[in-house]
């Protein structure tokens, strides 16, 4: 498998053939559109899971918290993504909290309406299935990275994902993420993230001030061609690196 495939972003079918929320309610009903400001939660972990969401504009982060107060970021979604899909499973409560990174436009679709559309509309069913498969593929790639890569490789991969640069577009920027958030996603400490970010910048892979500009050369870190780690190369998880 090529590196570009292994570290693919799992782009959804929705990005290729957009879902049109303005047409959906005439056929199946059950849609509410609303704007959510940056830092606002669309839903919270343990709330009732009674609807599906579609992100028409903006970007959200999915966070989970443990009973012991430990938080983790498990995903970042952009326009064209469905989320809150646990409503279509046996789960009755939300498994994560969805928070807007920037001002966003979300579409709330009642569970019954989604079920009707899937049963009656092959085009919608295909679109949603493609999204679910693509999203699952991205999660699998993330798990592979968590288990086999060093923390610097995970950070590089995450930065490339955040700028949606599967096409290796140079100079794309990341907004709304501080080093603490990146540390949660990588599974390591903020000081370690700071070390790698500084080295990435010295090597010309990124630039940052208010935003982080990511260059395609960062793939050299993902592939292990440009190792900048602390001491010997390691594939330890974040818990072992603290």
C-alpha atoms as a PDB file:
ATOM      1  CA  UNK A   1       0.000   0.000   0.000  1.00  0.00           C
ATOM      2  CA  UNK A   2       1.365   3.429  -0.872  1.00  0.00           C
ATOM      3  CA  UNK A   3       2.011   6.014   1.809  1.00  0.00           C
ATOM      4  CA  UNK A   4      -0.609   8.326   0.318  1.00  0.00           C
ATOM      5  CA  UNK A   5      -3.214   5.561   0.626  1.00  0.00           C
ATOM      6  CA  UNK A   6      -2.164   4.446   4.089  1.00  0.00           C
ATOM      7  CA  UNK A   7      -2.409   7.989   5.372  1.00  0.00           C
ATOM      8  CA  UNK A   8      -5.457   8.963   3.346  1.00  0.00           C
ATOM      9  CA  UNK A   9      -7.958  11.352   4.881  1.00  0.00           C
ATOM     10  CA  UNK A  10     -10.881   9.080   4.142  1.00  0.00           C
ATOM     11  CA  UNK A  11     -12.702  11.772   2.185  1.00  0.00           C
ATOM     12  CA  UNK A  12     -16.415  11.174   2.180  1.00  0.00           C
ATOM     13  CA  UNK A  13     -18.592  10.540  -0.834  1.00  0.00           C
ATOM     14  CA  UNK A  14     -20.455  13.655   0.319  1.00  0.00           C
ATOM     15  CA  UNK A  15     -17.533  15.790  -0.825  1.00  0.00           C
ATOM     16  CA  UNK A  16     -17.846  14.317  -4.332  1.00  0.00           C
ATOM     17  CA  UNK A  17     -21.643  14.391  -4.569  1.00  0.00           C
ATOM     18  CA  UNK A  18     -22.925  16.905  -1.972  1.00  0.00           C
ATOM     19  CA  UNK A  19     -25.970  16.298   0.148  1.00  0.00           C
ATOM     20  CA  UNK A  20     -28.615  18.960  -0.596  1.00  0.00           C
ATOM     21  CA  UNK A  21     -30.483  19.789   2.638  1.00  0.00           C
ATOM     22  CA  UNK A  22     -32.789  22.208   0.822  1.00  0.00           C
ATOM     23  CA  UNK A  23     -34.314  19.308  -1.168  1.00  0.00           C
ATOM     24  CA  UNK A  24     -34.379  16.691   1.586  1.00  0.00           C
ATOM     25  CA  UNK A  25     -37.289  18.017   3.741  1.00  0.00           C
ATOM     26  CA  UNK A  26     -39.711  18.083   0.805  1.00  0.00           C
ATOM     27  CA  UNK A  27     -39.239  14.334   0.459  1.00  0.00           C
ATOM     28  CA  UNK A  28     -38.572  13.116   3.969  1.00  0.00           C
ATOM     29  CA  UNK A  29     -39.030  16.041   6.388  1.00  0.00           C
ATOM     30  CA  UNK A  30     -37.259  16.374   9.719  1.00  0.00           C
ATOM     31  CA  UNK A  31     -34.555  18.942   8.960  1.00  0.00           C
ATOM     32  CA  UNK A  32     -33.468  21.958  11.001  1.00  0.00           C
ATOM     33  CA  UNK A  33     -30.666  24.252   9.843  1.00  0.00           C
ATOM     34  CA  UNK A  34     -28.866  26.546  12.253  1.00  0.00           C
ATOM     35  CA  UNK A  35     -25.637  28.457  12.708  1.00  0.00           C
ATOM     36  CA  UNK A  36     -23.301  27.631  15.573  1.00  0.00           C
ATOM     37  CA  UNK A  37     -20.590  30.030  16.714  1.00  0.00           C
ATOM     38  CA  UNK A  38     -16.983  29.045  17.294  1.00  0.00           C
ATOM     39  CA  UNK A  39     -16.414  27.142  20.569  1.00  0.00           C
ATOM     40  CA  UNK A  40     -20.113  26.229  20.879  1.00  0.00           C
ATOM     41  CA  UNK A  41     -21.118  22.590  21.322  1.00  0.00           C
ATOM     42  CA  UNK A  42     -23.586  21.124  18.833  1.00  0.00           C
ATOM     43  CA  UNK A  43     -24.155  18.217  21.204  1.00  0.00           C
ATOM     44  CA  UNK A  44     -22.429  16.823  24.280  1.00  0.00           C
ATOM     45  CA  UNK A  45     -21.264  13.401  25.366  1.00  0.00           C
ATOM     46  CA  UNK A  46     -24.005  11.385  27.119  1.00  0.00           C
ATOM     47  CA  UNK A  47     -26.858  13.442  25.654  1.00  0.00           C
ATOM     48  CA  UNK A  48     -29.697  11.568  23.945  1.00  0.00           C
ATOM     49  CA  UNK A  49     -28.701  10.468  20.423  1.00  0.00           C
ATOM     50  CA  UNK A  50     -31.895  11.102  18.473  1.00  0.00           C
ATOM     51  CA  UNK A  51     -30.691  12.675  15.207  1.00  0.00           C
ATOM     52  CA  UNK A  52     -27.951  12.761  12.588  1.00  0.00           C
ATOM     53  CA  UNK A  53     -26.013  15.905  11.678  1.00  0.00           C
ATOM     54  CA  UNK A  54     -24.517  17.169   8.438  1.00  0.00           C
ATOM     55  CA  UNK A  55     -21.899  19.927   8.425  1.00  0.00           C
ATOM     56  CA  UNK A  56     -22.697  22.268   5.569  1.00  0.00           C
ATOM     57  CA  UNK A  57     -20.066  24.896   6.422  1.00  0.00           C
ATOM     58  CA  UNK A  58     -17.294  25.158   8.998  1.00  0.00           C
ATOM     59  CA  UNK A  59     -15.259  22.688  11.018  1.00  0.00           C
ATOM     60  CA  UNK A  60     -15.945  20.710  14.188  1.00  0.00           C
ATOM     61  CA  UNK A  61     -13.865  18.695  16.605  1.00  0.00           C
ATOM     62  CA  UNK A  62     -15.082  15.533  18.324  1.00  0.00           C
ATOM     63  CA  UNK A  63     -13.920  15.156  21.930  1.00  0.00           C
ATOM     64  CA  UNK A  64     -14.385  12.434  24.536  1.00  0.00           C
ATOM     65  CA  UNK A  65     -13.922  12.702  28.268  1.00  0.00           C
ATOM     66  CA  UNK A  66     -13.295   9.947  30.804  1.00  0.00           C
ATOM     67  CA  UNK A  67     -14.840   9.744  34.291  1.00  0.00           C
ATOM     68  CA  UNK A  68     -11.363  10.590  35.606  1.00  0.00           C
ATOM     69  CA  UNK A  69     -11.297  13.949  33.829  1.00  0.00           C
ATOM     70  CA  UNK A  70      -9.001  13.037  30.938  1.00  0.00           C
ATOM     71  CA  UNK A  71     -10.003  14.514  27.560  1.00  0.00           C
ATOM     72  CA  UNK A  72      -9.069  13.326  24.083  1.00  0.00           C
ATOM     73  CA  UNK A  73      -9.759  14.614  20.576  1.00  0.00           C
ATOM     74  CA  UNK A  74     -10.844  11.708  18.385  1.00  0.00           C
ATOM     75  CA  UNK A  75     -11.683  13.471  15.151  1.00  0.00           C
ATOM     76  CA  UNK A  76     -11.907  16.693  13.174  1.00  0.00           C
ATOM     77  CA  UNK A  77     -14.563  17.084  10.475  1.00  0.00           C
ATOM     78  CA  UNK A  78     -15.028  19.678   7.768  1.00  0.00           C
ATOM     79  CA  UNK A  79     -17.848  20.680   5.437  1.00  0.00           C
ATOM     80  CA  UNK A  80     -19.537  17.703   3.787  1.00  0.00           C
ATOM     81  CA  UNK A  81     -19.302  15.426   6.817  1.00  0.00           C
ATOM     82  CA  UNK A  82     -22.081  13.551   8.579  1.00  0.00           C
ATOM     83  CA  UNK A  83     -21.704  13.119  12.329  1.00  0.00           C
ATOM     84  CA  UNK A  84     -23.716  11.898  15.297  1.00  0.00           C
ATOM     85  CA  UNK A  85     -24.219   8.577  13.513  1.00  0.00           C
ATOM     86  CA  UNK A  86     -24.648   6.668  16.788  1.00  0.00           C
ATOM     87  CA  UNK A  87     -28.351   7.562  16.532  1.00  0.00           C
ATOM     88  CA  UNK A  88     -28.613   4.880  13.835  1.00  0.00           C
ATOM     89  CA  UNK A  89     -27.058   2.192  16.031  1.00  0.00           C
ATOM     90  CA  UNK A  90     -28.138   0.545  19.254  1.00  0.00           C
ATOM     91  CA  UNK A  91     -26.574   3.377  21.252  1.00  0.00           C
ATOM     92  CA  UNK A  92     -29.012   5.769  22.907  1.00  0.00           C
ATOM     93  CA  UNK A  93     -26.464   8.330  24.151  1.00  0.00           C
ATOM     94  CA  UNK A  94     -23.818  10.438  22.423  1.00  0.00           C
ATOM     95  CA  UNK A  95     -20.337   8.914  22.597  1.00  0.00           C
ATOM     96  CA  UNK A  96     -18.542  12.257  22.139  1.00  0.00           C
ATOM     97  CA  UNK A  97     -18.949  16.037  22.257  1.00  0.00           C
ATOM     98  CA  UNK A  98     -19.052  17.966  18.960  1.00  0.00           C
ATOM     99  CA  UNK A  99     -17.585  21.475  19.271  1.00  0.00           C
ATOM    100  CA  UNK A 100     -17.284  24.108  16.515  1.00  0.00           C
ATOM    101  CA  UNK A 101     -13.729  25.226  15.804  1.00  0.00           C
ATOM    102  CA  UNK A 102     -15.005  28.081  13.669  1.00  0.00           C
ATOM    103  CA  UNK A 103     -18.442  29.558  12.962  1.00  0.00           C
ATOM    104  CA  UNK A 104     -20.354  26.735  11.307  1.00  0.00           C
ATOM    105  CA  UNK A 105     -23.626  25.907   9.573  1.00  0.00           C
ATOM    106  CA  UNK A 106     -25.017  22.540  10.663  1.00  0.00           C
ATOM    107  CA  UNK A 107     -28.049  20.577   9.533  1.00  0.00           C
ATOM    108  CA  UNK A 108     -29.962  18.482  12.071  1.00  0.00           C
ATOM    109  CA  UNK A 109     -31.783  15.500  10.534  1.00  0.00           C
ATOM    110  CA  UNK A 110     -34.284  13.582  12.642  1.00  0.00           C
ATOM    111  CA  UNK A 111     -33.547   9.866  12.973  1.00  0.00           C
ATOM    112  CA  UNK A 112     -36.889   8.831  11.459  1.00  0.00           C
ATOM    113  CA  UNK A 113     -36.225  11.014   8.401  1.00  0.00           C
ATOM    114  CA  UNK A 114     -32.786   9.486   7.892  1.00  0.00           C
ATOM    115  CA  UNK A 115     -34.221   5.985   8.124  1.00  0.00           C
ATOM    116  CA  UNK A 116     -36.950   6.837   5.566  1.00  0.00           C
ATOM    117  CA  UNK A 117     -34.387   8.284   3.169  1.00  0.00           C
ATOM    118  CA  UNK A 118     -32.091   5.265   3.450  1.00  0.00           C
ATOM    119  CA  UNK A 119     -34.996   2.873   2.787  1.00  0.00           C
ATOM    120  CA  UNK A 120     -36.573   4.814  -0.082  1.00  0.00           C
ATOM    121  CA  UNK A 121     -33.717   6.619  -1.805  1.00  0.00           C
ATOM    122  CA  UNK A 122     -30.837   4.509  -3.204  1.00  0.00           C
ATOM    123  CA  UNK A 123     -28.852   7.659  -4.030  1.00  0.00           C
ATOM    124  CA  UNK A 124     -28.970   8.910  -0.444  1.00  0.00           C
ATOM    125  CA  UNK A 125     -28.313   5.423   0.927  1.00  0.00           C
ATOM    126  CA  UNK A 126     -25.240   5.131  -1.313  1.00  0.00           C
ATOM    127  CA  UNK A 127     -24.010   8.577  -0.343  1.00  0.00           C
ATOM    128  CA  UNK A 128     -24.355   7.839   3.363  1.00  0.00           C
ATOM    129  CA  UNK A 129     -22.810   4.378   3.041  1.00  0.00           C
ATOM    130  CA  UNK A 130     -19.824   5.823   1.210  1.00  0.00           C
ATOM    131  CA  UNK A 131     -19.409   8.389   3.964  1.00  0.00           C
ATOM    132  CA  UNK A 132     -19.542   5.740   6.703  1.00  0.00           C
ATOM    133  CA  UNK A 133     -17.019   3.507   4.912  1.00  0.00           C
ATOM    134  CA  UNK A 134     -14.683   6.424   4.203  1.00  0.00           C
ATOM    135  CA  UNK A 135     -14.927   7.664   7.776  1.00  0.00           C
ATOM    136  CA  UNK A 136     -14.224   4.163   9.084  1.00  0.00           C
ATOM    137  CA  UNK A 137     -11.198   3.904   6.797  1.00  0.00           C
ATOM    138  CA  UNK A 138      -9.839   7.172   8.181  1.00  0.00           C
ATOM    139  CA  UNK A 139     -10.332   5.965  11.753  1.00  0.00           C
ATOM    140  CA  UNK A 140      -8.527   2.713  10.925  1.00  0.00           C
ATOM    141  CA  UNK A 141      -5.602   4.641   9.457  1.00  0.00           C
ATOM    142  CA  UNK A 142      -5.503   6.775  12.593  1.00  0.00           C
ATOM    143  CA  UNK A 143      -5.424   3.660  14.790  1.00  0.00           C
ATOM    144  CA  UNK A 144      -2.621   2.152  12.694  1.00  0.00           C
ATOM    145  CA  UNK A 145      -0.650   5.357  13.124  1.00  0.00           C
ATOM    146  CA  UNK A 146      -1.293   5.397  16.885  1.00  0.00           C
ATOM    147  CA  UNK A 147      -0.021   1.822  17.226  1.00  0.00           C
ATOM    148  CA  UNK A 148       2.958   1.873  14.870  1.00  0.00           C
ATOM    149  CA  UNK A 149       4.246   5.433  14.432  1.00  0.00           C
ATOM    150  CA  UNK A 150       6.387   7.619  16.637  1.00  0.00           C
ATOM    151  CA  UNK A 151       4.779  10.694  18.169  1.00  0.00           C
ATOM    152  CA  UNK A 152       6.528  12.985  15.668  1.00  0.00           C
ATOM    153  CA  UNK A 153       5.091  10.970  12.750  1.00  0.00           C
ATOM    154  CA  UNK A 154       1.623  11.105  14.314  1.00  0.00           C
ATOM    155  CA  UNK A 155       1.912  14.873  14.719  1.00  0.00           C
ATOM    156  CA  UNK A 156       3.045  15.298  11.110  1.00  0.00           C
ATOM    157  CA  UNK A 157       0.201  13.116   9.858  1.00  0.00           C
ATOM    158  CA  UNK A 158      -2.363  15.022  11.923  1.00  0.00           C
ATOM    159  CA  UNK A 159      -1.134  18.388  10.647  1.00  0.00           C
ATOM    160  CA  UNK A 160      -1.439  17.134   7.074  1.00  0.00           C
ATOM    161  CA  UNK A 161      -4.945  15.864   7.799  1.00  0.00           C
ATOM    162  CA  UNK A 162      -5.993  19.159   9.364  1.00  0.00           C
ATOM    163  CA  UNK A 163      -5.145  21.112   6.227  1.00  0.00           C
ATOM    164  CA  UNK A 164      -6.926  18.450   4.169  1.00  0.00           C
ATOM    165  CA  UNK A 165      -3.747  18.015   2.171  1.00  0.00           C
ATOM    166  CA  UNK A 166      -4.100  14.469   0.930  1.00  0.00           C
ATOM    167  CA  UNK A 167      -3.273  16.070  -2.417  1.00  0.00           C
ATOM    168  CA  UNK A 168      -0.142  17.524  -0.760  1.00  0.00           C
ATOM    169  CA  UNK A 169      -1.133  21.133  -1.390  1.00  0.00           C
ATOM    170  CA  UNK A 170       1.735  23.320  -0.236  1.00  0.00           C
ATOM    171  CA  UNK A 171       1.216  26.195   2.161  1.00  0.00           C
ATOM    172  CA  UNK A 172      -2.264  25.242   3.384  1.00  0.00           C
ATOM    173  CA  UNK A 173      -3.004  26.548   6.882  1.00  0.00           C
ATOM    174  CA  UNK A 174      -4.421  25.202  10.131  1.00  0.00           C
ATOM    175  CA  UNK A 175      -6.590  27.391  12.349  1.00  0.00           C
ATOM    176  CA  UNK A 176      -8.126  26.861  15.766  1.00  0.00           C
ATOM    177  CA  UNK A 177      -5.569  24.410  17.199  1.00  0.00           C
ATOM    178  CA  UNK A 178      -3.151  25.166  19.989  1.00  0.00           C
ATOM    179  CA  UNK A 179      -0.392  22.817  21.087  1.00  0.00           C
ATOM    180  CA  UNK A 180      -2.506  21.379  23.897  1.00  0.00           C
ATOM    181  CA  UNK A 181      -5.165  20.297  21.407  1.00  0.00           C
ATOM    182  CA  UNK A 182      -2.512  18.804  19.132  1.00  0.00           C
ATOM    183  CA  UNK A 183      -1.038  16.932  22.108  1.00  0.00           C
ATOM    184  CA  UNK A 184      -4.463  15.410  22.837  1.00  0.00           C
ATOM    185  CA  UNK A 185      -4.740  14.224  19.254  1.00  0.00           C
ATOM    186  CA  UNK A 186      -1.207  12.814  19.142  1.00  0.00           C
ATOM    187  CA  UNK A 187      -1.427  11.199  22.564  1.00  0.00           C
ATOM    188  CA  UNK A 188       1.629  12.860  24.085  1.00  0.00           C
ATOM    189  CA  UNK A 189       2.619  15.924  26.104  1.00  0.00           C
ATOM    190  CA  UNK A 190       2.432  19.564  25.095  1.00  0.00           C
ATOM    191  CA  UNK A 191       6.184  19.998  25.640  1.00  0.00           C
ATOM    192  CA  UNK A 192       6.912  17.162  23.211  1.00  0.00           C
ATOM    193  CA  UNK A 193       4.583  18.684  20.624  1.00  0.00           C
ATOM    194  CA  UNK A 194       6.353  22.037  21.096  1.00  0.00           C
ATOM    195  CA  UNK A 195       9.708  20.355  20.456  1.00  0.00           C
ATOM    196  CA  UNK A 196       8.544  18.759  17.222  1.00  0.00           C
ATOM    197  CA  UNK A 197       6.765  21.897  16.007  1.00  0.00           C
ATOM    198  CA  UNK A 198       9.963  23.899  16.527  1.00  0.00           C
ATOM    199  CA  UNK A 199      12.004  21.329  14.623  1.00  0.00           C
ATOM    200  CA  UNK A 200       9.442  21.101  11.816  1.00  0.00           C
ATOM    201  CA  UNK A 201       9.704  24.863  11.419  1.00  0.00           C
ATOM    202  CA  UNK A 202      13.517  24.818  11.463  1.00  0.00           C
ATOM    203  CA  UNK A 203      13.451  22.174   8.723  1.00  0.00           C
ATOM    204  CA  UNK A 204      11.087  24.271   6.618  1.00  0.00           C
ATOM    205  CA  UNK A 205       8.157  21.839   6.806  1.00  0.00           C
ATOM    206  CA  UNK A 206       5.832  24.332   8.518  1.00  0.00           C
ATOM    207  CA  UNK A 207       5.532  28.018   9.366  1.00  0.00           C
ATOM    208  CA  UNK A 208       3.402  29.360  12.157  1.00  0.00           C
ATOM    209  CA  UNK A 209       2.310  32.483  13.935  1.00  0.00           C
ATOM    210  CA  UNK A 210      -1.456  32.856  14.368  1.00  0.00           C
ATOM    211  CA  UNK A 211      -1.957  30.051  11.833  1.00  0.00           C
ATOM    212  CA  UNK A 212       0.108  26.994  10.969  1.00  0.00           C
ATOM    213  CA  UNK A 213       1.148  26.813   7.300  1.00  0.00           C
ATOM    214  CA  UNK A 214       1.945  23.217   6.330  1.00  0.00           C
ATOM    215  CA  UNK A 215       4.144  22.307   3.363  1.00  0.00           C
ATOM    216  CA  UNK A 216       4.084  19.044   1.451  1.00  0.00           C
ATOM    217  CA  UNK A 217       7.645  18.294   2.594  1.00  0.00           C
ATOM    218  CA  UNK A 218       6.146  17.317   5.957  1.00  0.00           C
ATOM    219  CA  UNK A 219       5.371  13.952   4.319  1.00  0.00           C
ATOM    220  CA  UNK A 220       9.107  13.244   4.754  1.00  0.00           C
ATOM    221  CA  UNK A 221       8.475  12.981   8.496  1.00  0.00           C
ATOM    222  CA  UNK A 222       5.389  10.787   8.043  1.00  0.00           C
ATOM    223  CA  UNK A 223       7.374   8.348   5.896  1.00  0.00           C
ATOM    224  CA  UNK A 224      10.361   8.350   8.262  1.00  0.00           C
ATOM    225  CA  UNK A 225      12.688  10.057   5.772  1.00  0.00           C
ATOM    226  CA  UNK A 226      13.195  13.068   8.011  1.00  0.00           C
ATOM    227  CA  UNK A 227      13.328  11.964  11.664  1.00  0.00           C
ATOM    228  CA  UNK A 228      13.625  14.733  14.268  1.00  0.00           C
ATOM    229  CA  UNK A 229      12.760  12.793  17.434  1.00  0.00           C
ATOM    230  CA  UNK A 230      14.082  12.966  20.975  1.00  0.00           C
ATOM    231  CA  UNK A 231      16.740  10.294  21.282  1.00  0.00           C
ATOM    232  CA  UNK A 232      16.285   6.969  19.531  1.00  0.00           C
ATOM    233  CA  UNK A 233      13.438   6.460  17.116  1.00  0.00           C
ATOM    234  CA  UNK A 234      10.464   5.019  18.973  1.00  0.00           C
ATOM    235  CA  UNK A 235       6.974   3.816  18.186  1.00  0.00           C
ATOM    236  CA  UNK A 236       5.851   4.156  21.826  1.00  0.00           C
ATOM    237  CA  UNK A 237       2.333   5.407  22.426  1.00  0.00           C
ATOM    238  CA  UNK A 238       1.666   8.705  24.145  1.00  0.00           C
ATOM    239  CA  UNK A 239       1.360   7.096  27.573  1.00  0.00           C
ATOM    240  CA  UNK A 240       4.912   5.790  27.353  1.00  0.00           C
ATOM    241  CA  UNK A 241       6.287   9.088  26.093  1.00  0.00           C
ATOM    242  CA  UNK A 242       5.082  11.193  29.030  1.00  0.00           C
END
